[in-house]
Structures are given as C-alpha cells and as structure tokens.
Protein backbone atom coordinates (compact mmCIF):
# COMPACT_ATOMS: atom_id res chain seq x y z
CA UNK A 1 -83.60 -116.72 220.92
CA UNK A 2 -82.23 -118.65 223.63
CA UNK A 3 -85.33 -117.58 225.99
CA UNK A 4 -87.72 -119.56 223.03
CA UNK A 5 -85.46 -122.90 223.21
CA UNK A 6 -85.66 -122.30 227.17
CA UNK A 7 -89.72 -121.57 227.29
CA UNK A 8 -90.46 -124.60 224.98
CA UNK A 9 -88.12 -127.00 227.22
CA UNK A 10 -89.87 -125.50 230.11
CA UNK A 11 -93.22 -126.56 228.60
CA UNK A 12 -92.62 -129.63 227.33
CA UNK A 13 -91.17 -130.32 230.78
CA UNK A 14 -94.31 -129.27 232.21
CA UNK A 15 -96.45 -130.85 230.52
CA UNK A 16 -95.25 -134.67 230.72
CA UNK A 17 -94.45 -134.12 234.39
CA UNK A 18 -98.87 -132.88 234.32
CA UNK A 19 -99.22 -135.95 232.32
CA UNK A 20 -97.44 -138.06 234.30
CA UNK A 21 -99.49 -136.87 237.59
CA UNK A 22 -102.67 -137.07 235.60
CA UNK A 23 -101.63 -140.91 234.91
CA UNK A 24 -101.00 -141.48 238.57
CA UNK A 25 -104.01 -140.15 239.70
CA UNK A 26 -106.42 -142.13 237.18
CA UNK A 27 -104.32 -145.27 238.59
CA UNK A 28 -105.18 -144.84 241.94
CA UNK A 29 -108.96 -144.04 241.17
CA UNK A 30 -108.98 -147.14 238.54
CA UNK A 31 -106.50 -149.63 239.55
CA UNK A 32 -108.31 -152.53 241.61
CA UNK A 33 -106.24 -153.65 244.50
CA UNK A 34 -103.91 -151.89 247.22
CA UNK A 35 -100.95 -152.81 245.48
CA UNK A 36 -101.52 -152.11 241.54
CA UNK A 37 -102.92 -148.70 242.86
CA UNK A 38 -99.50 -147.89 244.75
CA UNK A 39 -97.17 -149.43 241.91
CA UNK A 40 -98.73 -146.57 239.50
CA UNK A 41 -98.94 -143.87 242.47
CA UNK A 42 -95.52 -144.52 243.14
CA UNK A 43 -93.61 -145.10 239.66
CA UNK A 44 -95.92 -142.20 237.30
CA UNK A 45 -95.63 -140.09 240.47
CA UNK A 46 -92.14 -140.33 240.83
CA UNK A 47 -91.68 -139.25 236.93
CA UNK A 48 -94.27 -136.38 237.01
CA UNK A 49 -92.79 -135.23 240.15
CA UNK A 50 -89.05 -135.18 238.50
CA UNK A 51 -89.81 -133.64 235.84
CA UNK A 52 -92.16 -130.72 237.00
CA UNK A 53 -89.13 -129.88 239.62
CA UNK A 54 -86.47 -130.32 236.27
CA UNK A 55 -89.15 -127.76 234.80
CA UNK A 56 -88.89 -125.71 237.44
CA UNK A 57 -85.05 -125.50 238.18
CA UNK A 58 -84.37 -124.87 234.16
CA UNK A 59 -86.98 -121.98 234.42
CA UNK A 60 -85.62 -120.39 237.65
CA UNK A 61 -82.24 -119.83 235.59
CA UNK A 62 -79.82 -120.01 238.46
CA UNK A 63 -77.75 -123.05 239.21
CA UNK A 64 -78.20 -122.98 243.12
CA UNK A 65 -82.15 -124.00 242.05
CA UNK A 66 -81.43 -126.16 239.41
CA UNK A 67 -79.11 -128.07 241.66
CA UNK A 68 -81.51 -128.40 244.07
CA UNK A 69 -84.52 -130.00 241.71
CA UNK A 70 -82.12 -132.13 240.87
CA UNK A 71 -81.65 -133.44 244.50
CA UNK A 72 -85.19 -133.26 245.36
CA UNK A 73 -85.48 -135.71 241.88
CA UNK A 74 -83.01 -137.93 242.88
CA UNK A 75 -84.95 -138.02 246.59
CA UNK A 76 -87.71 -138.59 244.86
CA UNK A 77 -85.89 -141.71 243.47
CA UNK A 78 -84.52 -143.38 246.53
CA UNK A 79 -87.29 -143.01 248.47
CA UNK A 80 -90.61 -143.22 246.33
CA UNK A 81 -89.99 -147.17 245.20
CA UNK A 82 -88.79 -147.82 249.00
CA UNK A 83 -91.69 -146.62 250.90
CA UNK A 84 -93.95 -148.49 248.18
CA UNK A 85 -92.68 -151.53 248.72
CA UNK A 86 -92.60 -151.34 252.17
CA UNK A 87 -96.36 -149.99 252.48
CA UNK A 88 -97.46 -152.77 250.32
CA UNK A 89 -95.19 -155.60 252.36
CA UNK A 90 -97.03 -154.26 255.63
CA UNK A 91 -100.51 -154.09 254.13
CA UNK A 92 -99.71 -157.77 253.09
CA UNK A 93 -98.37 -158.60 256.49
CA UNK A 94 -101.79 -157.52 258.11
CA UNK A 95 -103.71 -159.30 255.68
CA UNK A 96 -104.23 -157.30 252.79
CA UNK A 97 -104.69 -159.82 250.00
CA UNK A 98 -104.68 -160.03 246.30
CA UNK A 99 -107.50 -159.96 244.26
CA UNK A 100 -108.57 -162.93 242.33
CA UNK A 101 -107.02 -161.87 238.79
CA UNK A 102 -103.48 -161.61 240.29
CA UNK A 103 -101.57 -164.39 238.52
CA UNK A 104 -98.64 -164.38 241.83
CA UNK A 105 -97.89 -164.23 245.28
CA UNK A 106 -94.24 -163.79 245.85
CA UNK A 107 -94.81 -162.93 249.99
CA UNK A 108 -97.11 -165.73 250.81
CA UNK A 109 -95.45 -168.05 252.77
CA UNK A 110 -95.52 -171.54 251.97
C-alpha cells in the first residue's frame, strides 16, 4: 500500500515539474523581450527543476539521495534568480532596452 502512495506522490511531482518546465519553455519562446523571457525561465524553470529533483529523491528511497536532491533544490533557489537578475542588469547596461509595452524602467539612469 505504501508503494502506491509513493508512486502517486512521485507521479504528481514529476507531472508538476514537467508542467512548470513546459511553461518556462513556452515563456522563452512566446514572450516579447529579453527581460520577460529571463523572468519566465528563472521562476518557472527553478520550480520545475526543484519538483523534478524532489521526485527523484523520493523515488530513490534513500535518505542520502533525498538530501542531495534537497540540497540541489536549495542551490537552484539561491542561484537561478540571482543569475537572472545579474544577466538582465548586464543586458540593460549594454544597451538592450525594454519594449514599448513595458510601463516602467527602474534601472534607467535619471
């Protein structure tokens, strides 16, 4: 009975992680400018990767593997948004401007 519960939890995590990864990929393809694409990739990609890592850790059945998957998720949470922010800031400094539908540019020097 417990094997079925673990299988269901892992299946839900895998499907959710794959859905978030799909949303991130669609965001990269469909969004209009660099900044919104990076936002989609960093947010949805981080959640999708984390859910997939949790699923792998639970499916393994070993505490050591689960701890490593948890550490990997924490690493994603700490690094992906910071990296996206730094890349967006570098793009802005090199002259890549926002598209006209964007309402506000907080990095614009006044």
